[in-house]
Amino acid sequence: MRELDYLGYYLDEWREMFSYDSKTGAMCYLPLNKEMTDRYYTFRSSRHGGKAIRVSLARVAVMLVTDDYVSSDDHVINKDQDYFNLSYENLLVISKKAKRPVKDKVKAVETLVEGVFKIEPLGYFVVRRGPLQSAYCTRDFDDAVEVWLEWKEDNSISRVTKM
């Protein structure tokens, strides 16, 4: 009998659901051929009575590389604190009881374009529709400016984050 790993799924089932490039950190949800651009992915699971389950992409990435599940007593953290950087060399498994490394304070720094902020020290750009509403993230400043200009003309436009 195989042992169930993360959220009641076997490791080979995670491999069928996700492809992962350990060098670049690129991850794809295979059933929808959807590139992952966030720290978590939520999908409906028949095993959980059709309820939505939230998957840590960092945890799945480590499992796919090591061919073993990450214990529920452990966390997977990003060494550089950039949660969008899922490259394997940036991921670290630590015990939940271990003291986490001290984090640099993350702050939004204004750019020359109203509504576009650079997130330091992580280095990505956020387009905001309001003072606290982050609506689009990207690593490309020009892309962020383009989205901001579109939203100035028509704020009903919806764009998918590029990370």
C-alpha atoms as a PDB file:
ATOM      1  CA  MET A   1       0.000   0.000   0.000  1.00  0.00           C
ATOM      2  CA  ARG A   2       1.392   3.385  -0.983  1.00  0.00           C
ATOM      3  CA  GLU A   3       1.543   6.075   1.676  1.00  0.00           C
ATOM      4  CA  LEU A   4      -0.515   9.191   0.967  1.00  0.00           C
ATOM      5  CA  ASP A   5       1.500  12.358   1.011  1.00  0.00           C
ATOM      6  CA  TYR A   6       0.407  15.988   0.743  1.00  0.00           C
ATOM      7  CA  LEU A   7      -3.356  16.652   1.087  1.00  0.00           C
ATOM      8  CA  GLY A   8      -4.254  13.017   0.488  1.00  0.00           C
ATOM      9  CA  TYR A   9      -2.589  12.658  -2.924  1.00  0.00           C
ATOM     10  CA  TYR A  10       0.218  10.314  -3.918  1.00  0.00           C
ATOM     11  CA  LEU A  11       3.449  11.734  -5.293  1.00  0.00           C
ATOM     12  CA  ASP A  12       2.796  10.297  -8.752  1.00  0.00           C
ATOM     13  CA  GLU A  13      -0.581  12.074  -8.768  1.00  0.00           C
ATOM     14  CA  TRP A  14       1.157  15.406  -8.072  1.00  0.00           C
ATOM     15  CA  ARG A  15       3.440  14.651 -11.034  1.00  0.00           C
ATOM     16  CA  GLU A  16       0.357  14.154 -13.216  1.00  0.00           C
ATOM     17  CA  MET A  17      -1.075  17.492 -12.038  1.00  0.00           C
ATOM     18  CA  PHE A  18       2.043  19.707 -12.189  1.00  0.00           C
ATOM     19  CA  SER A  19       5.123  20.092 -14.349  1.00  0.00           C
ATOM     20  CA  TYR A  20       8.067  21.894 -12.763  1.00  0.00           C
ATOM     21  CA  ASP A  21      11.385  23.274 -13.996  1.00  0.00           C
ATOM     22  CA  SER A  22      13.699  23.274 -10.972  1.00  0.00           C
ATOM     23  CA  LYS A  23      16.157  25.752 -12.542  1.00  0.00           C
ATOM     24  CA  THR A  24      13.680  28.481 -13.505  1.00  0.00           C
ATOM     25  CA  GLY A  25      10.946  27.667 -10.997  1.00  0.00           C
ATOM     26  CA  ALA A  26       8.328  27.582 -13.754  1.00  0.00           C
ATOM     27  CA  MET A  27       5.339  25.484 -12.777  1.00  0.00           C
ATOM     28  CA  CYS A  28       2.330  24.478 -14.844  1.00  0.00           C
ATOM     29  CA  TYR A  29      -1.008  22.986 -13.753  1.00  0.00           C
ATOM     30  CA  LEU A  30      -1.305  20.303 -16.428  1.00  0.00           C
ATOM     31  CA  PRO A  31      -5.073  19.620 -16.453  1.00  0.00           C
ATOM     32  CA  LEU A  32      -5.656  23.214 -17.594  1.00  0.00           C
ATOM     33  CA  ASN A  33      -2.204  23.815 -19.133  1.00  0.00           C
ATOM     34  CA  LYS A  34      -2.052  26.857 -16.856  1.00  0.00           C
ATOM     35  CA  GLU A  35       1.212  28.512 -15.828  1.00  0.00           C
ATOM     36  CA  MET A  36       1.346  29.135 -12.090  1.00  0.00           C
ATOM     37  CA  THR A  37       2.072  32.750 -11.114  1.00  0.00           C
ATOM     38  CA  ASP A  38       1.350  32.758  -7.382  1.00  0.00           C
ATOM     39  CA  ARG A  39       2.523  31.042  -4.177  1.00  0.00           C
ATOM     40  CA  TYR A  40      -0.606  28.922  -3.932  1.00  0.00           C
ATOM     41  CA  TYR A  41      -3.017  27.238  -6.296  1.00  0.00           C
ATOM     42  CA  THR A  42      -6.595  26.388  -5.387  1.00  0.00           C
ATOM     43  CA  PHE A  43      -8.634  23.722  -7.123  1.00  0.00           C
ATOM     44  CA  ARG A  44     -11.765  21.691  -6.409  1.00  0.00           C
ATOM     45  CA  SER A  45     -11.051  18.159  -5.281  1.00  0.00           C
ATOM     46  CA  SER A  46     -13.441  15.236  -5.574  1.00  0.00           C
ATOM     47  CA  ARG A  47     -11.442  13.606  -2.761  1.00  0.00           C
ATOM     48  CA  HIS A  48     -12.433  16.464  -0.510  1.00  0.00           C
ATOM     49  CA  GLY A  49     -16.121  16.341  -1.407  1.00  0.00           C
ATOM     50  CA  GLY A  50     -15.778  18.907  -4.187  1.00  0.00           C
ATOM     51  CA  LYS A  51     -14.361  21.487  -1.778  1.00  0.00           C
ATOM     52  CA  ALA A  52     -11.598  23.827  -2.820  1.00  0.00           C
ATOM     53  CA  ILE A  53      -8.149  22.908  -1.532  1.00  0.00           C
ATOM     54  CA  ARG A  54      -5.204  25.289  -1.443  1.00  0.00           C
ATOM     55  CA  VAL A  55      -1.851  23.897  -2.551  1.00  0.00           C
ATOM     56  CA  SER A  56       1.527  25.381  -1.623  1.00  0.00           C
ATOM     57  CA  LEU A  57       3.444  25.449  -4.906  1.00  0.00           C
ATOM     58  CA  ALA A  58       6.788  25.592  -3.054  1.00  0.00           C
ATOM     59  CA  ARG A  59       5.895  22.409  -1.175  1.00  0.00           C
ATOM     60  CA  VAL A  60       4.867  20.660  -4.414  1.00  0.00           C
ATOM     61  CA  ALA A  61       8.100  21.821  -6.097  1.00  0.00           C
ATOM     62  CA  VAL A  62      10.255  20.308  -3.334  1.00  0.00           C
ATOM     63  CA  MET A  63       8.279  17.053  -3.481  1.00  0.00           C
ATOM     64  CA  LEU A  64       8.717  16.793  -7.248  1.00  0.00           C
ATOM     65  CA  VAL A  65      12.495  17.335  -7.046  1.00  0.00           C
ATOM     66  CA  THR A  66      13.234  15.173  -4.004  1.00  0.00           C
ATOM     67  CA  ASP A  67      10.734  12.458  -4.942  1.00  0.00           C
ATOM     68  CA  ASP A  68       9.494  12.501  -1.350  1.00  0.00           C
ATOM     69  CA  TYR A  69       6.818  14.393   0.501  1.00  0.00           C
ATOM     70  CA  VAL A  70       7.550  17.258   2.889  1.00  0.00           C
ATOM     71  CA  SER A  71       6.556  16.392   6.442  1.00  0.00           C
ATOM     72  CA  SER A  72       3.597  18.230   7.947  1.00  0.00           C
ATOM     73  CA  ASP A  73       6.066  19.232  10.702  1.00  0.00           C
ATOM     74  CA  ASP A  74       8.060  21.256   8.151  1.00  0.00           C
ATOM     75  CA  HIS A  75       7.673  24.508   6.216  1.00  0.00           C
ATOM     76  CA  VAL A  76       9.081  25.315   2.792  1.00  0.00           C
ATOM     77  CA  ILE A  77      10.427  28.871   2.740  1.00  0.00           C
ATOM     78  CA  ASN A  78      11.944  31.057   0.038  1.00  0.00           C
ATOM     79  CA  LYS A  79      15.551  31.933   0.869  1.00  0.00           C
ATOM     80  CA  ASP A  80      15.344  35.299  -0.908  1.00  0.00           C
ATOM     81  CA  GLN A  81      11.836  36.004   0.480  1.00  0.00           C
ATOM     82  CA  ASP A  82      10.480  36.276  -3.068  1.00  0.00           C
ATOM     83  CA  TYR A  83       7.469  33.976  -2.967  1.00  0.00           C
ATOM     84  CA  PHE A  84       7.217  34.045  -6.748  1.00  0.00           C
ATOM     85  CA  ASN A  85      10.752  32.613  -7.133  1.00  0.00           C
ATOM     86  CA  LEU A  86      10.110  28.877  -7.056  1.00  0.00           C
ATOM     87  CA  SER A  87      13.519  27.796  -8.362  1.00  0.00           C
ATOM     88  CA  TYR A  88      14.669  24.812  -6.325  1.00  0.00           C
ATOM     89  CA  GLU A  89      17.894  26.507  -5.177  1.00  0.00           C
ATOM     90  CA  ASN A  90      15.721  29.233  -3.586  1.00  0.00           C
ATOM     91  CA  LEU A  91      13.591  26.791  -1.575  1.00  0.00           C
ATOM     92  CA  LEU A  92      14.495  25.603   1.906  1.00  0.00           C
ATOM     93  CA  VAL A  93      12.697  23.057   4.078  1.00  0.00           C
ATOM     94  CA  ILE A  94      12.783  23.949   7.772  1.00  0.00           C
ATOM     95  CA  SER A  95      11.076  22.573  10.830  1.00  0.00           C
ATOM     96  CA  LYS A  96       8.003  24.461  12.022  1.00  0.00           C
ATOM     97  CA  LYS A  97       9.739  24.578  15.403  1.00  0.00           C
ATOM     98  CA  ALA A  98      12.942  26.094  13.980  1.00  0.00           C
ATOM     99  CA  LYS A  99      13.510  29.813  14.158  1.00  0.00           C
ATOM    100  CA  ARG A 100      12.908  31.345  10.751  1.00  0.00           C
ATOM    101  CA  PRO A 101      15.595  33.535   9.221  1.00  0.00           C
ATOM    102  CA  VAL A 102      15.155  37.250   9.879  1.00  0.00           C
ATOM    103  CA  LYS A 103      13.320  38.859   6.985  1.00  0.00           C
ATOM    104  CA  ASP A 104      14.148  42.210   5.504  1.00  0.00           C
ATOM    105  CA  LYS A 105      11.225  44.576   5.690  1.00  0.00           C
ATOM    106  CA  VAL A 106       9.373  44.594   2.382  1.00  0.00           C
ATOM    107  CA  LYS A 107       8.146  47.987   1.231  1.00  0.00           C
ATOM    108  CA  ALA A 108       6.477  49.537  -1.787  1.00  0.00           C
ATOM    109  CA  VAL A 109       8.589  52.326  -3.300  1.00  0.00           C
ATOM    110  CA  GLU A 110       6.988  54.910  -5.582  1.00  0.00           C
ATOM    111  CA  THR A 111       8.214  55.063  -9.172  1.00  0.00           C
ATOM    112  CA  LEU A 112       7.959  58.002 -11.557  1.00  0.00           C
ATOM    113  CA  VAL A 113       4.632  56.596 -12.767  1.00  0.00           C
ATOM    114  CA  GLU A 114       1.605  57.163 -10.536  1.00  0.00           C
ATOM    115  CA  GLY A 115       0.051  53.837  -9.511  1.00  0.00           C
ATOM    116  CA  VAL A 116       3.176  51.755 -10.227  1.00  0.00           C
ATOM    117  CA  PHE A 117       5.305  50.747  -7.239  1.00  0.00           C
ATOM    118  CA  LYS A 118       8.503  48.722  -6.941  1.00  0.00           C
ATOM    119  CA  ILE A 119       8.492  46.159  -4.138  1.00  0.00           C
ATOM    120  CA  GLU A 120      11.844  46.225  -2.355  1.00  0.00           C
ATOM    121  CA  PRO A 121      13.938  44.204  -1.724  1.00  0.00           C
ATOM    122  CA  LEU A 122      12.116  41.671  -3.924  1.00  0.00           C
ATOM    123  CA  GLY A 123      12.401  43.707  -7.125  1.00  0.00           C
ATOM    124  CA  TYR A 124       9.002  43.268  -8.743  1.00  0.00           C
ATOM    125  CA  PHE A 125       6.465  45.928  -9.720  1.00  0.00           C
ATOM    126  CA  VAL A 126       2.889  46.288  -8.504  1.00  0.00           C
ATOM    127  CA  VAL A 127       0.151  48.256 -10.205  1.00  0.00           C
ATOM    128  CA  ARG A 128      -2.381  49.573  -7.727  1.00  0.00           C
ATOM    129  CA  ARG A 129      -5.909  50.767  -8.351  1.00  0.00           C
ATOM    130  CA  GLY A 130      -6.069  52.341  -4.904  1.00  0.00           C
ATOM    131  CA  PRO A 131      -3.732  53.013  -1.967  1.00  0.00           C
ATOM    132  CA  LEU A 132      -3.962  49.458  -0.637  1.00  0.00           C
ATOM    133  CA  GLN A 133      -5.277  47.506  -3.634  1.00  0.00           C
ATOM    134  CA  SER A 134      -2.548  45.644  -5.473  1.00  0.00           C
ATOM    135  CA  ALA A 135      -4.126  44.432  -8.684  1.00  0.00           C
ATOM    136  CA  TYR A 136      -1.265  43.398 -10.975  1.00  0.00           C
ATOM    137  CA  CYS A 137       2.302  42.182 -10.380  1.00  0.00           C
ATOM    138  CA  THR A 138       5.138  41.814 -12.874  1.00  0.00           C
ATOM    139  CA  ARG A 139       8.930  41.847 -13.017  1.00  0.00           C
ATOM    140  CA  ASP A 140       8.826  44.158 -16.068  1.00  0.00           C
ATOM    141  CA  PHE A 141       8.472  47.899 -15.379  1.00  0.00           C
ATOM    142  CA  ASP A 142       7.308  48.686 -18.931  1.00  0.00           C
ATOM    143  CA  ASP A 143       4.611  46.031 -18.641  1.00  0.00           C
ATOM    144  CA  ALA A 144       3.439  47.568 -15.342  1.00  0.00           C
ATOM    145  CA  VAL A 145       3.255  51.034 -16.924  1.00  0.00           C
ATOM    146  CA  GLU A 146       1.271  49.663 -19.883  1.00  0.00           C
ATOM    147  CA  VAL A 147      -1.284  48.074 -17.515  1.00  0.00           C
ATOM    148  CA  TRP A 148      -1.540  51.291 -15.478  1.00  0.00           C
ATOM    149  CA  LEU A 149      -2.217  53.355 -18.624  1.00  0.00           C
ATOM    150  CA  GLU A 150      -4.911  50.884 -19.745  1.00  0.00           C
ATOM    151  CA  TRP A 151      -6.567  51.097 -16.325  1.00  0.00           C
ATOM    152  CA  LYS A 152      -6.487  54.901 -16.343  1.00  0.00           C
ATOM    153  CA  GLU A 153      -8.622  54.815 -19.483  1.00  0.00           C
ATOM    154  CA  ASP A 154     -10.869  51.915 -18.447  1.00  0.00           C
ATOM    155  CA  ASN A 155     -10.610  50.529 -14.909  1.00  0.00           C
ATOM    156  CA  SER A 156     -12.889  47.588 -15.714  1.00  0.00           C
ATOM    157  CA  ILE A 157     -10.114  45.875 -17.713  1.00  0.00           C
ATOM    158  CA  SER A 158      -8.836  42.728 -16.018  1.00  0.00           C
ATOM    159  CA  ARG A 159      -5.277  41.513 -16.597  1.00  0.00           C
ATOM    160  CA  VAL A 160      -3.603  38.324 -15.386  1.00  0.00           C
ATOM    161  CA  THR A 161      -0.467  38.849 -13.308  1.00  0.00           C
ATOM    162  CA  LYS A 162       2.819  38.010 -15.060  1.00  0.00           C
ATOM    163  CA  MET A 163       5.412  36.678 -12.651  1.00  0.00           C
END
